[in-house]
Amino acid sequence: MARTNGNGSSPRTKSKSTAKKLSTHDKIAVRAYEIYLERNGAPGNPLEDWVRAEREVLTKPKRATKKTAATKTAATAA
């Protein structure tokens, strides 16, 4: 018998919107793993991978809101 989530529908896999809800620690862990995979799993230094991932995640620029973008456009047009 198939499993349901209690309301009769099948369970869903995690969507991309769920990825945005990851904690900062989890985002760093995922990025460190991606760095490991970029080396094709070759031996490396896990601490260096973690620090690099931490730097990338924490310095990733946040997307500008429409209001901020409009303000910048108006300021450059003047």
N, C-alpha and C. Protein backbone atom coordinates (compact mmCIF):
# COMPACT_ATOMS: atom_id res chain seq x y z
N MET A 1 0.84 -1.18 0.00
CA MET A 1 0.00 0.00 0.00
C MET A 1 0.88 1.24 0.00
N ALA A 2 0.51 2.24 -0.78
CA ALA A 2 1.30 3.47 -0.88
C ALA A 2 1.14 4.32 0.37
N ARG A 3 2.18 5.00 0.73
CA ARG A 3 2.14 5.87 1.90
C ARG A 3 1.50 7.20 1.52
N THR A 4 0.77 7.75 2.43
CA THR A 4 0.19 9.07 2.23
C THR A 4 0.63 9.98 3.36
N ASN A 5 0.39 11.26 3.18
CA ASN A 5 0.81 12.21 4.22
C ASN A 5 -0.31 12.52 5.21
N GLY A 6 -1.33 11.70 5.24
CA GLY A 6 -2.38 11.88 6.22
C GLY A 6 -3.65 12.50 5.64
N ASN A 7 -3.55 13.18 4.51
CA ASN A 7 -4.75 13.77 3.92
C ASN A 7 -5.13 13.06 2.63
N GLY A 8 -4.55 11.88 2.41
CA GLY A 8 -4.94 11.09 1.25
C GLY A 8 -4.07 11.31 0.04
N SER A 9 -3.19 12.30 0.07
CA SER A 9 -2.33 12.54 -1.08
C SER A 9 -0.96 11.93 -0.84
N SER A 10 -0.25 11.69 -1.90
CA SER A 10 1.09 11.11 -1.78
C SER A 10 2.07 12.14 -1.27
N PRO A 11 3.09 11.71 -0.56
CA PRO A 11 4.10 12.66 -0.08
C PRO A 11 4.86 13.25 -1.25
N ARG A 12 5.27 14.48 -1.12
CA ARG A 12 6.00 15.16 -2.19
C ARG A 12 7.47 15.20 -1.83
N THR A 13 8.28 15.27 -2.87
CA THR A 13 9.71 15.45 -2.62
C THR A 13 9.95 16.92 -2.35
N LYS A 14 11.10 17.24 -1.79
CA LYS A 14 11.41 18.63 -1.47
C LYS A 14 11.52 19.43 -2.77
N SER A 15 10.91 20.59 -2.77
CA SER A 15 10.96 21.45 -3.94
C SER A 15 12.07 22.47 -3.78
N LYS A 16 12.30 23.26 -4.83
CA LYS A 16 13.33 24.29 -4.77
C LYS A 16 13.01 25.32 -3.71
N SER A 17 11.72 25.57 -3.44
CA SER A 17 11.37 26.55 -2.42
C SER A 17 11.79 26.07 -1.04
N THR A 18 11.84 24.75 -0.84
CA THR A 18 12.30 24.22 0.43
C THR A 18 13.78 24.49 0.62
N ALA A 19 14.54 24.48 -0.47
CA ALA A 19 15.98 24.73 -0.38
C ALA A 19 16.26 26.13 0.16
N LYS A 20 15.39 27.06 -0.12
CA LYS A 20 15.57 28.42 0.37
C LYS A 20 15.34 28.51 1.86
N LYS A 21 14.71 27.51 2.45
CA LYS A 21 14.40 27.53 3.87
C LYS A 21 15.48 26.86 4.70
N LEU A 22 16.59 26.46 4.07
CA LEU A 22 17.67 25.83 4.81
C LEU A 22 18.33 26.83 5.75
N SER A 23 18.81 26.33 6.85
CA SER A 23 19.55 27.19 7.77
C SER A 23 20.89 27.53 7.12
N THR A 24 21.53 28.56 7.63
CA THR A 24 22.83 28.95 7.10
C THR A 24 23.82 27.79 7.23
N HIS A 25 23.79 27.10 8.35
CA HIS A 25 24.67 25.95 8.56
C HIS A 25 24.45 24.90 7.49
N ASP A 26 23.19 24.61 7.18
CA ASP A 26 22.88 23.60 6.18
C ASP A 26 23.31 24.05 4.79
N LYS A 27 23.15 25.34 4.48
CA LYS A 27 23.59 25.86 3.18
C LYS A 27 25.10 25.70 3.03
N ILE A 28 25.83 25.98 4.12
CA ILE A 28 27.28 25.83 4.08
C ILE A 28 27.65 24.36 3.89
N ALA A 29 26.96 23.48 4.60
CA ALA A 29 27.24 22.04 4.48
C ALA A 29 26.99 21.55 3.06
N VAL A 30 25.91 22.00 2.45
CA VAL A 30 25.60 21.60 1.07
C VAL A 30 26.68 22.12 0.13
N ARG A 31 27.08 23.38 0.30
CA ARG A 31 28.10 23.96 -0.57
C ARG A 31 29.44 23.27 -0.38
N ALA A 32 29.81 22.92 0.84
CA ALA A 32 31.06 22.20 1.10
C ALA A 32 31.03 20.84 0.39
N TYR A 33 29.89 20.19 0.41
CA TYR A 33 29.76 18.91 -0.29
C TYR A 33 29.88 19.10 -1.79
N GLU A 34 29.30 20.18 -2.32
CA GLU A 34 29.43 20.46 -3.76
C GLU A 34 30.89 20.69 -4.14
N ILE A 35 31.64 21.37 -3.28
CA ILE A 35 33.07 21.59 -3.53
C ILE A 35 33.79 20.25 -3.58
N TYR A 36 33.47 19.37 -2.65
CA TYR A 36 34.03 18.01 -2.64
C TYR A 36 33.72 17.29 -3.94
N LEU A 37 32.48 17.41 -4.40
CA LEU A 37 32.08 16.75 -5.65
C LEU A 37 32.78 17.37 -6.85
N GLU A 38 33.07 18.67 -6.80
CA GLU A 38 33.79 19.32 -7.90
C GLU A 38 35.18 18.71 -8.08
N ARG A 39 35.74 18.17 -6.99
CA ARG A 39 37.03 17.47 -7.05
C ARG A 39 36.83 16.02 -7.45
N ASN A 40 35.64 15.65 -7.82
CA ASN A 40 35.28 14.27 -8.16
C ASN A 40 35.53 13.32 -6.99
N GLY A 41 35.36 13.84 -5.78
CA GLY A 41 35.51 13.02 -4.60
C GLY A 41 36.95 12.72 -4.23
N ALA A 42 37.88 13.39 -4.89
CA ALA A 42 39.30 13.17 -4.58
C ALA A 42 39.59 13.67 -3.16
N PRO A 43 40.57 13.06 -2.51
CA PRO A 43 40.91 13.50 -1.16
C PRO A 43 41.28 14.99 -1.14
N GLY A 44 40.91 15.62 -0.08
CA GLY A 44 41.22 17.03 0.09
C GLY A 44 41.15 17.37 1.57
N ASN A 45 41.04 18.63 1.85
CA ASN A 45 40.98 19.07 3.24
C ASN A 45 39.55 19.52 3.54
N PRO A 46 38.80 18.75 4.31
CA PRO A 46 37.40 19.10 4.61
C PRO A 46 37.26 20.47 5.27
N LEU A 47 38.23 20.85 6.09
CA LEU A 47 38.17 22.16 6.74
C LEU A 47 38.29 23.27 5.71
N GLU A 48 39.18 23.11 4.73
CA GLU A 48 39.31 24.12 3.68
C GLU A 48 38.02 24.20 2.86
N ASP A 49 37.41 23.04 2.57
CA ASP A 49 36.15 23.03 1.85
C ASP A 49 35.08 23.79 2.64
N TRP A 50 35.04 23.54 3.95
CA TRP A 50 34.04 24.18 4.80
C TRP A 50 34.26 25.70 4.83
N VAL A 51 35.49 26.12 5.01
CA VAL A 51 35.79 27.55 5.10
C VAL A 51 35.46 28.25 3.77
N ARG A 52 35.81 27.60 2.66
CA ARG A 52 35.49 28.17 1.36
C ARG A 52 33.97 28.29 1.18
N ALA A 53 33.25 27.23 1.56
CA ALA A 53 31.80 27.23 1.45
C ALA A 53 31.19 28.31 2.34
N GLU A 54 31.73 28.43 3.53
CA GLU A 54 31.25 29.43 4.48
C GLU A 54 31.42 30.84 3.90
N ARG A 55 32.60 31.10 3.34
CA ARG A 55 32.87 32.40 2.74
C ARG A 55 31.91 32.68 1.58
N GLU A 56 31.70 31.68 0.71
CA GLU A 56 30.81 31.85 -0.44
C GLU A 56 29.37 32.09 -0.01
N VAL A 57 28.90 31.32 0.95
CA VAL A 57 27.50 31.46 1.39
C VAL A 57 27.28 32.78 2.12
N LEU A 58 28.21 33.15 2.98
CA LEU A 58 28.01 34.35 3.80
C LEU A 58 28.25 35.64 3.03
N THR A 59 29.00 35.59 1.93
CA THR A 59 29.24 36.80 1.15
C THR A 59 28.40 36.87 -0.11
N LYS A 60 27.52 35.89 -0.29
CA LYS A 60 26.65 35.88 -1.47
C LYS A 60 25.76 37.11 -1.41
N PRO A 61 25.78 37.95 -2.47
CA PRO A 61 24.96 39.16 -2.44
C PRO A 61 23.47 38.82 -2.42
N LYS A 62 22.75 39.58 -1.65
CA LYS A 62 21.30 39.39 -1.59
C LYS A 62 20.68 40.10 -2.79
N ARG A 63 19.61 39.53 -3.31
CA ARG A 63 18.94 40.15 -4.45
C ARG A 63 18.27 41.44 -4.01
N ALA A 64 18.40 42.46 -4.86
CA ALA A 64 17.79 43.75 -4.56
C ALA A 64 16.28 43.66 -4.75
N THR A 65 15.56 44.34 -3.89
CA THR A 65 14.11 44.39 -4.04
C THR A 65 13.77 45.37 -5.15
N LYS A 66 12.54 45.34 -5.62
CA LYS A 66 12.13 46.25 -6.68
C LYS A 66 12.29 47.70 -6.24
N LYS A 67 11.97 47.98 -4.99
CA LYS A 67 12.07 49.34 -4.48
C LYS A 67 13.52 49.81 -4.51
N THR A 68 14.43 48.97 -4.07
CA THR A 68 15.85 49.32 -4.05
C THR A 68 16.36 49.51 -5.48
N ALA A 69 15.98 48.64 -6.39
CA ALA A 69 16.41 48.75 -7.78
C ALA A 69 15.86 50.02 -8.41
N ALA A 70 14.62 50.36 -8.11
CA ALA A 70 14.02 51.57 -8.66
C ALA A 70 14.71 52.81 -8.12
N THR A 71 15.08 52.78 -6.87
CA THR A 71 15.78 53.91 -6.26
C THR A 71 17.14 54.11 -6.91
N LYS A 72 17.86 53.03 -7.16
CA LYS A 72 19.17 53.12 -7.81
C LYS A 72 19.03 53.65 -9.23
N THR A 73 18.00 53.20 -9.96
CA THR A 73 17.78 53.66 -11.32
C THR A 73 17.49 55.15 -11.33
N ALA A 74 16.64 55.60 -10.41
CA ALA A 74 16.28 57.02 -10.34
C ALA A 74 17.51 57.86 -9.96
N ALA A 75 18.35 57.35 -9.12
CA ALA A 75 19.54 58.10 -8.68
C ALA A 75 20.55 58.24 -9.83
N THR A 76 20.67 57.22 -10.65
CA THR A 76 21.62 57.30 -11.76
C THR A 76 21.09 58.12 -12.91
N ALA A 77 19.77 58.22 -13.04
CA ALA A 77 19.16 59.01 -14.12
C ALA A 77 19.24 60.50 -13.84
N ALA A 78 19.35 60.88 -12.57
CA ALA A 78 19.36 62.31 -12.21
C ALA A 78 20.68 62.97 -12.47
